[in-house]
Amino acid sequence: MPDTNCLSLPGGVPVSKIALGTMYFGSRITREQSERLLDTFVSLGGNQIDTGRCYADWIPGAAGASERAVGKWLSGRKRESVFLGTKGGIKPRGYNATRGDLSRENLEKDLKVSLEALQTDYIDLYWLHRDDLRFSAGEIVEQMNRWIRRGVIRYFGVSNWTSERIKEANEYAAAHGLQGAAASQIQYGLGVCTTSDWGDPTIVCMDSSEYKAYERLQIPVYGYSAQAEGYFPVYLKGGSEALSPDIRKKYDTPVNRKRADRLAQLAEKKKFSLSWIMAEYVLHSPFPAVFIMGGSNEARMREIMEMYNRGEKQLTEEDWKEILRR
């Protein structure tokens, strides 16, 4: 992995700018297949693994499956070779039926269960999966720093927090000599959508206001659903009728339909896959950014990682202007 392809977290810790998303590992993706995908990702230069306590808990019997699958794989490797991220702080459980619960009791419970499932005694990057406005930003920063001092996490990040709330947290941390949020994870990618499209008011999607804020803050942004949950290839192959109701509701808009057509034209012209173009959009943001790659298709993973390892932009500014024009 070229040094230019590394993201440096506080303290100079280098991590790959592509993280492997593991939402359905151990559930829709079998443990055996999950381990093959993890092995492939690491062999191609990736070292960031992204999981979560609540992943797939909307599937009967799958609660905690992702962490357990990652933990089983991790138990056979050198722990320090992997930069591991997981998430907690949601209650009640359930996809699109969530709220943040950053109470000390709930966080301690989530952390304990995650450490056991992942078969490790520390988490590299612990994400607060949702915000919880019952607590001040300072109170939350203090709790995370207690964990850092205990050695059970190295960094903390925030998922689905507004940039304003992140700014407040990190200003508090700086004023009190504490570690602030190392990164933010929100919905970010070429597929434009909104909180109302998701039907979940606790979700934060990238918009023009947040984008400008991140240009100022220069805090790393991890883009989840960066591949628009498969919207573009499915739409291009079968039109709106081929989309699931959920994906249609989130992404099937005039803006995204136009982008789909332009993506197809550019992919054909450049001989790149749609997946790589979506990855490059995130990777070459005007702020530090990480592309969370959906981990289910090994061939697509290999293609993305091969392009990533070249360590250079493949698309021109003119290409992007054409894709993004309204």
C-alpha atoms as a PDB file:
ATOM      1  CA  MET A   1       0.000   0.000   0.000  1.00  0.00           C
ATOM      2  CA  PRO A   2       1.680   3.264  -1.119  1.00  0.00           C
ATOM      3  CA  ASP A   3       2.249   5.775   1.681  1.00  0.00           C
ATOM      4  CA  THR A   4       0.227   8.341  -0.283  1.00  0.00           C
ATOM      5  CA  ASN A   5      -2.739   5.991   0.048  1.00  0.00           C
ATOM      6  CA  CYS A   6      -2.645   6.080   3.839  1.00  0.00           C
ATOM      7  CA  LEU A   7      -4.769   8.212   6.086  1.00  0.00           C
ATOM      8  CA  SER A   8      -3.005   9.398   9.236  1.00  0.00           C
ATOM      9  CA  LEU A   9      -5.054   9.499  12.415  1.00  0.00           C
ATOM     10  CA  PRO A  10      -3.943  11.511  15.484  1.00  0.00           C
ATOM     11  CA  GLY A  11      -0.502  10.346  16.532  1.00  0.00           C
ATOM     12  CA  GLY A  12       0.421   9.481  12.953  1.00  0.00           C
ATOM     13  CA  VAL A  13      -1.211   6.028  12.886  1.00  0.00           C
ATOM     14  CA  PRO A  14      -1.477   5.045   9.174  1.00  0.00           C
ATOM     15  CA  VAL A  15      -4.621   3.299   7.947  1.00  0.00           C
ATOM     16  CA  SER A  16      -5.850   2.370   4.483  1.00  0.00           C
ATOM     17  CA  LYS A  17      -8.263   4.807   2.852  1.00  0.00           C
ATOM     18  CA  ILE A  18     -10.511   1.890   1.999  1.00  0.00           C
ATOM     19  CA  ALA A  19     -12.265   0.081   4.832  1.00  0.00           C
ATOM     20  CA  LEU A  20     -14.040  -3.231   4.431  1.00  0.00           C
ATOM     21  CA  GLY A  21     -17.689  -3.055   5.446  1.00  0.00           C
ATOM     22  CA  THR A  22     -18.928  -6.234   7.105  1.00  0.00           C
ATOM     23  CA  MET A  23     -22.614  -5.599   7.795  1.00  0.00           C
ATOM     24  CA  TYR A  24     -23.841  -9.001   6.615  1.00  0.00           C
ATOM     25  CA  PHE A  25     -20.796 -11.094   7.511  1.00  0.00           C
ATOM     26  CA  GLY A  26     -21.913 -14.191   9.375  1.00  0.00           C
ATOM     27  CA  SER A  27     -25.552 -13.758   8.324  1.00  0.00           C
ATOM     28  CA  ARG A  28     -26.380 -13.297   4.627  1.00  0.00           C
ATOM     29  CA  ILE A  29     -22.684 -13.875   3.917  1.00  0.00           C
ATOM     30  CA  THR A  30     -21.540 -17.154   5.462  1.00  0.00           C
ATOM     31  CA  ARG A  31     -18.650 -17.251   7.900  1.00  0.00           C
ATOM     32  CA  GLU A  32     -16.550 -19.188   5.397  1.00  0.00           C
ATOM     33  CA  GLN A  33     -17.175 -16.631   2.662  1.00  0.00           C
ATOM     34  CA  SER A  34     -16.623 -13.812   5.152  1.00  0.00           C
ATOM     35  CA  GLU A  35     -13.190 -15.164   6.054  1.00  0.00           C
ATOM     36  CA  ARG A  36     -12.228 -15.445   2.377  1.00  0.00           C
ATOM     37  CA  LEU A  37     -13.246 -11.843   1.785  1.00  0.00           C
ATOM     38  CA  LEU A  38     -11.317 -10.643   4.831  1.00  0.00           C
ATOM     39  CA  ASP A  39      -8.230 -12.590   3.747  1.00  0.00           C
ATOM     40  CA  THR A  40      -8.469 -11.151   0.238  1.00  0.00           C
ATOM     41  CA  PHE A  41      -8.880  -7.591   1.476  1.00  0.00           C
ATOM     42  CA  VAL A  42      -5.831  -7.785   3.740  1.00  0.00           C
ATOM     43  CA  SER A  43      -3.732  -9.503   1.061  1.00  0.00           C
ATOM     44  CA  LEU A  44      -4.491  -6.580  -1.275  1.00  0.00           C
ATOM     45  CA  GLY A  45      -3.229  -3.967   1.187  1.00  0.00           C
ATOM     46  CA  GLY A  46      -6.318  -3.076   3.195  1.00  0.00           C
ATOM     47  CA  ASN A  47      -6.131  -2.960   6.975  1.00  0.00           C
ATOM     48  CA  GLN A  48      -9.344  -1.208   8.108  1.00  0.00           C
ATOM     49  CA  ILE A  49     -12.276  -3.410   9.113  1.00  0.00           C
ATOM     50  CA  ASP A  50     -15.640  -1.768   9.844  1.00  0.00           C
ATOM     51  CA  THR A  51     -18.315  -3.589  11.830  1.00  0.00           C
ATOM     52  CA  GLY A  52     -21.010  -2.755  14.394  1.00  0.00           C
ATOM     53  CA  ARG A  53     -22.779  -4.177  17.432  1.00  0.00           C
ATOM     54  CA  CYS A  54     -26.249  -3.824  15.881  1.00  0.00           C
ATOM     55  CA  TYR A  55     -25.393  -4.989  12.369  1.00  0.00           C
ATOM     56  CA  ALA A  56     -27.997  -7.330  10.871  1.00  0.00           C
ATOM     57  CA  ASP A  57     -29.990  -7.440  14.104  1.00  0.00           C
ATOM     58  CA  TRP A  58     -33.107  -6.864  11.997  1.00  0.00           C
ATOM     59  CA  ILE A  59     -32.578 -10.396  10.606  1.00  0.00           C
ATOM     60  CA  PRO A  60     -33.973 -13.064  12.953  1.00  0.00           C
ATOM     61  CA  GLY A  61     -31.112 -14.808  14.726  1.00  0.00           C
ATOM     62  CA  ALA A  62     -28.404 -12.575  13.226  1.00  0.00           C
ATOM     63  CA  ALA A  63     -27.839 -10.096  16.069  1.00  0.00           C
ATOM     64  CA  GLY A  64     -24.097  -9.745  16.664  1.00  0.00           C
ATOM     65  CA  ALA A  65     -23.242 -12.040  13.733  1.00  0.00           C
ATOM     66  CA  SER A  66     -20.936  -9.539  12.024  1.00  0.00           C
ATOM     67  CA  GLU A  67     -18.787  -8.952  15.113  1.00  0.00           C
ATOM     68  CA  ARG A  68     -18.610 -12.688  15.812  1.00  0.00           C
ATOM     69  CA  ALA A  69     -17.548 -13.473  12.241  1.00  0.00           C
ATOM     70  CA  VAL A  70     -14.861 -10.783  12.313  1.00  0.00           C
ATOM     71  CA  GLY A  71     -13.748 -11.921  15.779  1.00  0.00           C
ATOM     72  CA  LYS A  72     -13.333 -15.531  14.697  1.00  0.00           C
ATOM     73  CA  TRP A  73     -11.219 -14.449  11.732  1.00  0.00           C
ATOM     74  CA  LEU A  74      -9.252 -11.983  13.858  1.00  0.00           C
ATOM     75  CA  SER A  75      -8.391 -14.646  16.433  1.00  0.00           C
ATOM     76  CA  GLY A  76      -6.115 -16.318  13.890  1.00  0.00           C
ATOM     77  CA  ARG A  77      -4.165 -13.183  12.977  1.00  0.00           C
ATOM     78  CA  LYS A  78      -1.741 -10.758  14.589  1.00  0.00           C
ATOM     79  CA  ARG A  79      -4.073  -8.278  16.260  1.00  0.00           C
ATOM     80  CA  GLU A  80      -1.851  -5.279  15.527  1.00  0.00           C
ATOM     81  CA  SER A  81      -1.966  -5.972  11.769  1.00  0.00           C
ATOM     82  CA  VAL A  82      -5.628  -4.917  11.609  1.00  0.00           C
ATOM     83  CA  PHE A  83      -7.203  -1.545  12.381  1.00  0.00           C
ATOM     84  CA  LEU A  84     -10.551  -2.554  13.822  1.00  0.00           C
ATOM     85  CA  GLY A  85     -13.602  -0.339  14.098  1.00  0.00           C
ATOM     86  CA  THR A  86     -16.948  -1.181  15.639  1.00  0.00           C
ATOM     87  CA  LYS A  87     -19.988   0.775  16.775  1.00  0.00           C
ATOM     88  CA  GLY A  88     -22.239   1.024  19.793  1.00  0.00           C
ATOM     89  CA  GLY A  89     -24.661   3.346  21.501  1.00  0.00           C
ATOM     90  CA  ILE A  90     -27.973   2.455  19.870  1.00  0.00           C
ATOM     91  CA  LYS A  91     -31.169   1.570  21.694  1.00  0.00           C
ATOM     92  CA  PRO A  92     -33.628   0.096  20.889  1.00  0.00           C
ATOM     93  CA  ARG A  93     -32.146  -2.246  18.325  1.00  0.00           C
ATOM     94  CA  GLY A  94     -33.462  -2.555  14.799  1.00  0.00           C
ATOM     95  CA  TYR A  95     -32.758  -1.129  11.367  1.00  0.00           C
ATOM     96  CA  ASN A  96     -34.479   2.248  10.810  1.00  0.00           C
ATOM     97  CA  ALA A  97     -36.052   2.005  14.271  1.00  0.00           C
ATOM     98  CA  THR A  98     -33.210   3.455  16.243  1.00  0.00           C
ATOM     99  CA  ARG A  99     -32.171   6.185  18.597  1.00  0.00           C
ATOM    100  CA  GLY A 100     -28.892   6.934  20.245  1.00  0.00           C
ATOM    101  CA  ASP A 101     -28.360   5.845  23.826  1.00  0.00           C
ATOM    102  CA  LEU A 102     -25.035   7.213  24.986  1.00  0.00           C
ATOM    103  CA  SER A 103     -25.716   6.669  28.662  1.00  0.00           C
ATOM    104  CA  ARG A 104     -22.708   5.301  30.484  1.00  0.00           C
ATOM    105  CA  GLU A 105     -24.588   2.115  31.371  1.00  0.00           C
ATOM    106  CA  ASN A 106     -25.578   1.348  27.774  1.00  0.00           C
ATOM    107  CA  LEU A 107     -22.153   2.188  26.365  1.00  0.00           C
ATOM    108  CA  GLU A 108     -20.347   0.003  28.900  1.00  0.00           C
ATOM    109  CA  LYS A 109     -22.686  -2.881  28.080  1.00  0.00           C
ATOM    110  CA  ASP A 110     -22.181  -2.492  24.326  1.00  0.00           C
ATOM    111  CA  LEU A 111     -18.410  -2.258  24.669  1.00  0.00           C
ATOM    112  CA  LYS A 112     -18.220  -5.368  26.857  1.00  0.00           C
ATOM    113  CA  VAL A 113     -20.266  -7.459  24.422  1.00  0.00           C
ATOM    114  CA  SER A 114     -18.297  -6.155  21.421  1.00  0.00           C
ATOM    115  CA  LEU A 115     -14.932  -6.985  22.986  1.00  0.00           C
ATOM    116  CA  GLU A 116     -16.128 -10.512  23.728  1.00  0.00           C
ATOM    117  CA  ALA A 117     -17.571 -11.048  20.238  1.00  0.00           C
ATOM    118  CA  LEU A 118     -14.474  -9.646  18.529  1.00  0.00           C
ATOM    119  CA  GLN A 119     -12.155 -11.715  20.742  1.00  0.00           C
ATOM    120  CA  THR A 120      -9.943  -8.744  21.534  1.00  0.00           C
ATOM    121  CA  ASP A 121      -9.149  -6.577  24.538  1.00  0.00           C
ATOM    122  CA  TYR A 122      -9.237  -3.264  22.669  1.00  0.00           C
ATOM    123  CA  ILE A 123     -10.944  -1.528  19.742  1.00  0.00           C
ATOM    124  CA  ASP A 124      -8.842   0.703  17.499  1.00  0.00           C
ATOM    125  CA  LEU A 125     -11.689   3.028  16.506  1.00  0.00           C
ATOM    126  CA  TYR A 126     -14.908   2.932  18.521  1.00  0.00           C
ATOM    127  CA  TRP A 127     -17.816   4.643  16.799  1.00  0.00           C
ATOM    128  CA  LEU A 128     -20.778   6.182  18.596  1.00  0.00           C
ATOM    129  CA  HIS A 129     -23.402   4.936  16.149  1.00  0.00           C
ATOM    130  CA  ARG A 130     -25.880   7.758  16.772  1.00  0.00           C
ATOM    131  CA  ASP A 131     -25.884  11.033  18.660  1.00  0.00           C
ATOM    132  CA  ASP A 132     -27.814  11.429  21.914  1.00  0.00           C
ATOM    133  CA  LEU A 133     -28.752  15.021  22.643  1.00  0.00           C
ATOM    134  CA  ARG A 134     -29.603  14.225  26.256  1.00  0.00           C
ATOM    135  CA  PHE A 135     -25.867  14.566  26.886  1.00  0.00           C
ATOM    136  CA  SER A 136     -23.583  17.504  26.212  1.00  0.00           C
ATOM    137  CA  ALA A 137     -20.758  17.011  23.755  1.00  0.00           C
ATOM    138  CA  GLY A 138     -18.337  17.495  26.646  1.00  0.00           C
ATOM    139  CA  GLU A 139     -19.885  14.694  28.707  1.00  0.00           C
ATOM    140  CA  ILE A 140     -19.527  12.297  25.785  1.00  0.00           C
ATOM    141  CA  VAL A 141     -15.912  13.328  25.150  1.00  0.00           C
ATOM    142  CA  GLU A 142     -15.109  12.721  28.826  1.00  0.00           C
ATOM    143  CA  GLN A 143     -16.613   9.209  28.685  1.00  0.00           C
ATOM    144  CA  MET A 144     -14.641   8.276  25.570  1.00  0.00           C
ATOM    145  CA  ASN A 145     -11.430   9.556  27.102  1.00  0.00           C
ATOM    146  CA  ARG A 146     -12.006   7.407  30.177  1.00  0.00           C
ATOM    147  CA  TRP A 147     -12.025   4.412  27.837  1.00  0.00           C
ATOM    148  CA  ILE A 148      -8.898   5.639  26.076  1.00  0.00           C
ATOM    149  CA  ARG A 149      -7.094   5.897  29.416  1.00  0.00           C
ATOM    150  CA  ARG A 150      -8.273   2.379  30.316  1.00  0.00           C
ATOM    151  CA  GLY A 151      -6.776   1.102  27.061  1.00  0.00           C
ATOM    152  CA  VAL A 152     -10.007  -0.463  25.780  1.00  0.00           C
ATOM    153  CA  ILE A 153     -10.161   1.884  22.768  1.00  0.00           C
ATOM    154  CA  ARG A 154      -7.463   3.841  20.948  1.00  0.00           C
ATOM    155  CA  TYR A 155      -9.674   6.420  19.221  1.00  0.00           C
ATOM    156  CA  PHE A 156     -13.331   7.279  19.103  1.00  0.00           C
ATOM    157  CA  GLY A 157     -15.367   8.386  16.129  1.00  0.00           C
ATOM    158  CA  VAL A 158     -18.923   9.598  15.693  1.00  0.00           C
ATOM    159  CA  SER A 159     -21.474   8.250  13.237  1.00  0.00           C
ATOM    160  CA  ASN A 160     -24.536  10.209  12.152  1.00  0.00           C
ATOM    161  CA  TRP A 161     -23.533  13.333  14.034  1.00  0.00           C
ATOM    162  CA  THR A 162     -23.900  16.769  12.488  1.00  0.00           C
ATOM    163  CA  SER A 163     -20.712  18.666  11.748  1.00  0.00           C
ATOM    164  CA  GLU A 164     -21.783  21.353  14.225  1.00  0.00           C
ATOM    165  CA  ARG A 165     -22.016  18.815  17.039  1.00  0.00           C
ATOM    166  CA  ILE A 166     -18.600  17.398  16.066  1.00  0.00           C
ATOM    167  CA  LYS A 167     -17.117  20.893  16.143  1.00  0.00           C
ATOM    168  CA  GLU A 168     -18.555  21.394  19.623  1.00  0.00           C
ATOM    169  CA  ALA A 169     -17.105  18.085  20.855  1.00  0.00           C
ATOM    170  CA  ASN A 170     -13.658  18.712  19.441  1.00  0.00           C
ATOM    171  CA  GLU A 171     -13.497  22.269  20.734  1.00  0.00           C
ATOM    172  CA  TYR A 172     -14.294  20.918  24.200  1.00  0.00           C
ATOM    173  CA  ALA A 173     -11.596  18.260  23.838  1.00  0.00           C
ATOM    174  CA  ALA A 174      -8.991  20.806  22.745  1.00  0.00           C
ATOM    175  CA  ALA A 175      -9.847  23.140  25.623  1.00  0.00           C
ATOM    176  CA  HIS A 176      -9.491  20.326  28.174  1.00  0.00           C
ATOM    177  CA  GLY A 177      -6.440  18.530  26.808  1.00  0.00           C
ATOM    178  CA  LEU A 178      -8.473  15.499  25.709  1.00  0.00           C
ATOM    179  CA  GLN A 179      -8.719  13.456  22.541  1.00  0.00           C
ATOM    180  CA  GLY A 180     -11.577  14.557  20.314  1.00  0.00           C
ATOM    181  CA  ALA A 181     -13.510  12.635  17.701  1.00  0.00           C
ATOM    182  CA  ALA A 182     -10.940  11.201  15.294  1.00  0.00           C
ATOM    183  CA  ALA A 183     -13.389  10.778  12.423  1.00  0.00           C
ATOM    184  CA  SER A 184     -16.990  11.079  11.293  1.00  0.00           C
ATOM    185  CA  GLN A 185     -19.056   8.408   9.544  1.00  0.00           C
ATOM    186  CA  ILE A 186     -22.098   9.536   7.565  1.00  0.00           C
ATOM    187  CA  GLN A 187     -23.909   8.598   4.369  1.00  0.00           C
ATOM    188  CA  TYR A 188     -21.636   9.925   1.635  1.00  0.00           C
ATOM    189  CA  GLY A 189     -21.181   8.945  -1.977  1.00  0.00           C
ATOM    190  CA  LEU A 190     -22.237   9.639  -5.561  1.00  0.00           C
ATOM    191  CA  GLY A 191     -25.766   8.505  -4.796  1.00  0.00           C
ATOM    192  CA  VAL A 192     -27.512  11.586  -3.419  1.00  0.00           C
ATOM    193  CA  CYS A 193     -30.136  10.984  -0.737  1.00  0.00           C
ATOM    194  CA  THR A 194     -31.643  12.692   2.288  1.00  0.00           C
ATOM    195  CA  THR A 195     -32.635  11.835   5.832  1.00  0.00           C
ATOM    196  CA  SER A 196     -36.308  11.817   4.819  1.00  0.00           C
ATOM    197  CA  ASP A 197     -35.510   9.412   1.958  1.00  0.00           C
ATOM    198  CA  TRP A 198     -34.102   6.994   4.537  1.00  0.00           C
ATOM    199  CA  GLY A 199     -37.145   7.304   6.780  1.00  0.00           C
ATOM    200  CA  ASP A 200     -34.845   7.556   9.798  1.00  0.00           C
ATOM    201  CA  PRO A 201     -34.409  10.964  11.458  1.00  0.00           C
ATOM    202  CA  THR A 202     -31.240   9.789  13.228  1.00  0.00           C
ATOM    203  CA  ILE A 203     -29.349   9.376   9.930  1.00  0.00           C
ATOM    204  CA  VAL A 204     -27.045  12.148   8.674  1.00  0.00           C
ATOM    205  CA  CYS A 205     -26.523  12.362   4.910  1.00  0.00           C
ATOM    206  CA  MET A 206     -23.913  14.503   3.209  1.00  0.00           C
ATOM    207  CA  ASP A 207     -25.378  17.681   1.750  1.00  0.00           C
ATOM    208  CA  SER A 208     -23.892  20.965   0.536  1.00  0.00           C
ATOM    209  CA  SER A 209     -23.859  22.482   4.028  1.00  0.00           C
ATOM    210  CA  GLU A 210     -22.143  19.478   5.631  1.00  0.00           C
ATOM    211  CA  TYR A 211     -19.712  19.259   2.705  1.00  0.00           C
ATOM    212  CA  LYS A 212     -18.589  22.856   3.214  1.00  0.00           C
ATOM    213  CA  ALA A 213     -18.272  22.254   6.957  1.00  0.00           C
ATOM    214  CA  TYR A 214     -15.970  19.268   6.395  1.00  0.00           C
ATOM    215  CA  GLU A 215     -13.848  21.346   4.036  1.00  0.00           C
ATOM    216  CA  ARG A 216     -13.298  23.689   6.987  1.00  0.00           C
ATOM    217  CA  LEU A 217     -12.962  21.046   9.717  1.00  0.00           C
ATOM    218  CA  GLN A 218     -10.682  18.690   7.739  1.00  0.00           C
ATOM    219  CA  ILE A 219     -11.755  15.782   9.937  1.00  0.00           C
ATOM    220  CA  PRO A 220     -11.720  12.373   8.184  1.00  0.00           C
ATOM    221  CA  VAL A 221     -15.098  11.364   6.760  1.00  0.00           C
ATOM    222  CA  TYR A 222     -15.921   7.671   6.380  1.00  0.00           C
ATOM    223  CA  GLY A 223     -18.605   7.299   3.724  1.00  0.00           C
ATOM    224  CA  TYR A 224     -21.132   4.569   4.395  1.00  0.00           C
ATOM    225  CA  SER A 225     -23.546   3.445   1.659  1.00  0.00           C
ATOM    226  CA  ALA A 226     -20.918   4.973  -0.635  1.00  0.00           C
ATOM    227  CA  GLN A 227     -21.966   2.536  -3.380  1.00  0.00           C
ATOM    228  CA  ALA A 228     -25.589   3.666  -3.029  1.00  0.00           C
ATOM    229  CA  GLU A 229     -26.535   0.121  -2.029  1.00  0.00           C
ATOM    230  CA  GLY A 230     -26.165  -1.054  -5.631  1.00  0.00           C
ATOM    231  CA  TYR A 231     -28.538   1.550  -7.077  1.00  0.00           C
ATOM    232  CA  PHE A 232     -26.520   2.522 -10.160  1.00  0.00           C
ATOM    233  CA  PRO A 233     -25.808  -0.895 -11.743  1.00  0.00           C
ATOM    234  CA  VAL A 234     -29.319  -2.167 -10.991  1.00  0.00           C
ATOM    235  CA  TYR A 235     -30.961   0.962 -12.394  1.00  0.00           C
ATOM    236  CA  LEU A 236     -28.796   0.907 -15.522  1.00  0.00           C
ATOM    237  CA  LYS A 237     -29.632  -2.721 -16.162  1.00  0.00           C
ATOM    238  CA  GLY A 238     -33.357  -2.734 -15.487  1.00  0.00           C
ATOM    239  CA  GLY A 239     -34.588   0.775 -14.797  1.00  0.00           C
ATOM    240  CA  SER A 240     -36.601   1.877 -11.791  1.00  0.00           C
ATOM    241  CA  GLU A 241     -38.767  -1.244 -11.918  1.00  0.00           C
ATOM    242  CA  ALA A 242     -35.747  -3.432 -11.124  1.00  0.00           C
ATOM    243  CA  LEU A 243     -35.064  -1.636  -7.833  1.00  0.00           C
ATOM    244  CA  SER A 244     -36.278  -2.854  -4.466  1.00  0.00           C
ATOM    245  CA  PRO A 245     -38.863  -0.550  -2.854  1.00  0.00           C
ATOM    246  CA  ASP A 246     -36.313   0.542  -0.227  1.00  0.00           C
ATOM    247  CA  ILE A 247     -33.595   1.448  -2.747  1.00  0.00           C
ATOM    248  CA  ARG A 248     -36.133   3.138  -5.015  1.00  0.00           C
ATOM    249  CA  LYS A 249     -37.306   5.318  -2.124  1.00  0.00           C
ATOM    250  CA  LYS A 250     -33.775   6.292  -1.100  1.00  0.00           C
ATOM    251  CA  TYR A 251     -32.041   6.831  -4.413  1.00  0.00           C
ATOM    252  CA  ASP A 252     -34.343   6.836  -7.451  1.00  0.00           C
ATOM    253  CA  THR A 253     -34.404  10.581  -8.056  1.00  0.00           C
ATOM    254  CA  PRO A 254     -33.925  12.693 -11.196  1.00  0.00           C
ATOM    255  CA  VAL A 255     -30.433  13.684  -9.992  1.00  0.00           C
ATOM    256  CA  ASN A 256     -29.324  10.090  -9.502  1.00  0.00           C
ATOM    257  CA  ARG A 257     -30.873   8.918 -12.790  1.00  0.00           C
ATOM    258  CA  LYS A 258     -28.860  11.559 -14.651  1.00  0.00           C
ATOM    259  CA  ARG A 259     -25.730  10.539 -12.752  1.00  0.00           C
ATOM    260  CA  ALA A 260     -26.345   6.904 -13.616  1.00  0.00           C
ATOM    261  CA  ASP A 261     -26.417   7.661 -17.338  1.00  0.00           C
ATOM    262  CA  ARG A 262     -23.262   9.791 -17.135  1.00  0.00           C
ATOM    263  CA  LEU A 263     -21.486   7.164 -15.026  1.00  0.00           C
ATOM    264  CA  ALA A 264     -22.272   4.513 -17.622  1.00  0.00           C
ATOM    265  CA  GLN A 265     -20.902   6.695 -20.421  1.00  0.00           C
ATOM    266  CA  LEU A 266     -17.722   7.508 -18.496  1.00  0.00           C
ATOM    267  CA  ALA A 267     -17.160   3.910 -17.416  1.00  0.00           C
ATOM    268  CA  GLU A 268     -17.370   2.806 -21.042  1.00  0.00           C
ATOM    269  CA  LYS A 269     -15.068   5.601 -22.206  1.00  0.00           C
ATOM    270  CA  LYS A 270     -12.426   5.044 -19.497  1.00  0.00           C
ATOM    271  CA  LYS A 271     -12.841   1.258 -19.251  1.00  0.00           C
ATOM    272  CA  PHE A 272     -13.365   1.556 -15.487  1.00  0.00           C
ATOM    273  CA  SER A 273     -16.066  -0.107 -13.447  1.00  0.00           C
ATOM    274  CA  LEU A 274     -18.857   1.891 -11.853  1.00  0.00           C
ATOM    275  CA  SER A 275     -17.562   0.661  -8.494  1.00  0.00           C
ATOM    276  CA  TRP A 276     -14.164   2.284  -8.963  1.00  0.00           C
ATOM    277  CA  ILE A 277     -15.658   5.617 -10.030  1.00  0.00           C
ATOM    278  CA  MET A 278     -17.785   5.623  -6.872  1.00  0.00           C
ATOM    279  CA  ALA A 279     -14.711   4.824  -4.785  1.00  0.00           C
ATOM    280  CA  GLU A 280     -12.614   7.550  -6.388  1.00  0.00           C
ATOM    281  CA  TYR A 281     -15.330  10.116  -5.732  1.00  0.00           C
ATOM    282  CA  VAL A 282     -14.944   9.565  -1.986  1.00  0.00           C
ATOM    283  CA  LEU A 283     -11.178   9.025  -1.930  1.00  0.00           C
ATOM    284  CA  HIS A 284     -10.377  12.306  -3.658  1.00  0.00           C
ATOM    285  CA  SER A 285     -12.594  14.544  -1.554  1.00  0.00           C
ATOM    286  CA  PRO A 286     -11.293  17.993  -0.495  1.00  0.00           C
ATOM    287  CA  PHE A 287     -11.035  16.626   3.061  1.00  0.00           C
ATOM    288  CA  PRO A 288      -9.573  13.352   4.393  1.00  0.00           C
ATOM    289  CA  ALA A 289     -11.950  10.539   3.464  1.00  0.00           C
ATOM    290  CA  VAL A 290     -12.334   6.772   3.647  1.00  0.00           C
ATOM    291  CA  PHE A 291     -14.403   4.675   1.244  1.00  0.00           C
ATOM    292  CA  ILE A 292     -16.251   1.893   3.062  1.00  0.00           C
ATOM    293  CA  MET A 293     -16.401  -0.913   0.530  1.00  0.00           C
ATOM    294  CA  GLY A 294     -19.311  -3.308   0.689  1.00  0.00           C
ATOM    295  CA  GLY A 295     -17.791  -6.732   1.227  1.00  0.00           C
ATOM    296  CA  SER A 296     -19.677  -9.340  -0.782  1.00  0.00           C
ATOM    297  CA  ASN A 297     -18.184  -9.520  -4.276  1.00  0.00           C
ATOM    298  CA  GLU A 298     -14.555 -10.681  -4.343  1.00  0.00           C
ATOM    299  CA  ALA A 299     -13.983  -9.787  -8.002  1.00  0.00           C
ATOM    300  CA  ARG A 300     -15.230  -6.246  -7.445  1.00  0.00           C
ATOM    301  CA  MET A 301     -13.070  -5.976  -4.328  1.00  0.00           C
ATOM    302  CA  ARG A 302      -9.984  -7.003  -6.286  1.00  0.00           C
ATOM    303  CA  GLU A 303     -10.716  -4.479  -9.012  1.00  0.00           C
ATOM    304  CA  ILE A 304     -11.217  -1.603  -6.564  1.00  0.00           C
ATOM    305  CA  MET A 305      -8.108  -2.461  -4.555  1.00  0.00           C
ATOM    306  CA  GLU A 306      -5.988  -2.781  -7.696  1.00  0.00           C
ATOM    307  CA  MET A 307      -7.001   0.715  -8.793  1.00  0.00           C
ATOM    308  CA  TYR A 308      -6.532   2.035  -5.258  1.00  0.00           C
ATOM    309  CA  ASN A 309      -3.014   0.642  -5.043  1.00  0.00           C
ATOM    310  CA  ARG A 310      -1.975   2.676  -8.076  1.00  0.00           C
ATOM    311  CA  GLY A 311      -2.081   5.624  -5.703  1.00  0.00           C
ATOM    312  CA  GLU A 312      -3.196   8.232  -8.196  1.00  0.00           C
ATOM    313  CA  LYS A 313      -6.316   9.851  -9.584  1.00  0.00           C
ATOM    314  CA  GLN A 314      -7.743   8.074 -12.592  1.00  0.00           C
ATOM    315  CA  LEU A 315     -10.380  10.675 -13.468  1.00  0.00           C
ATOM    316  CA  THR A 316      -9.875  14.300 -14.483  1.00  0.00           C
ATOM    317  CA  GLU A 317     -11.602  17.404 -13.155  1.00  0.00           C
ATOM    318  CA  GLU A 318     -13.500  17.569 -16.447  1.00  0.00           C
ATOM    319  CA  ASP A 319     -14.750  14.030 -15.898  1.00  0.00           C
ATOM    320  CA  TRP A 320     -16.111  15.007 -12.497  1.00  0.00           C
ATOM    321  CA  LYS A 321     -17.717  18.184 -13.783  1.00  0.00           C
ATOM    322  CA  GLU A 322     -19.578  16.118 -16.352  1.00  0.00           C
ATOM    323  CA  ILE A 323     -20.783  13.546 -13.810  1.00  0.00           C
ATOM    324  CA  LEU A 324     -21.849  16.092 -11.196  1.00  0.00           C
ATOM    325  CA  ARG A 325     -23.455  18.767 -13.359  1.00  0.00           C
ATOM    326  CA  ARG A 326     -27.145  19.290 -12.676  1.00  0.00           C
END
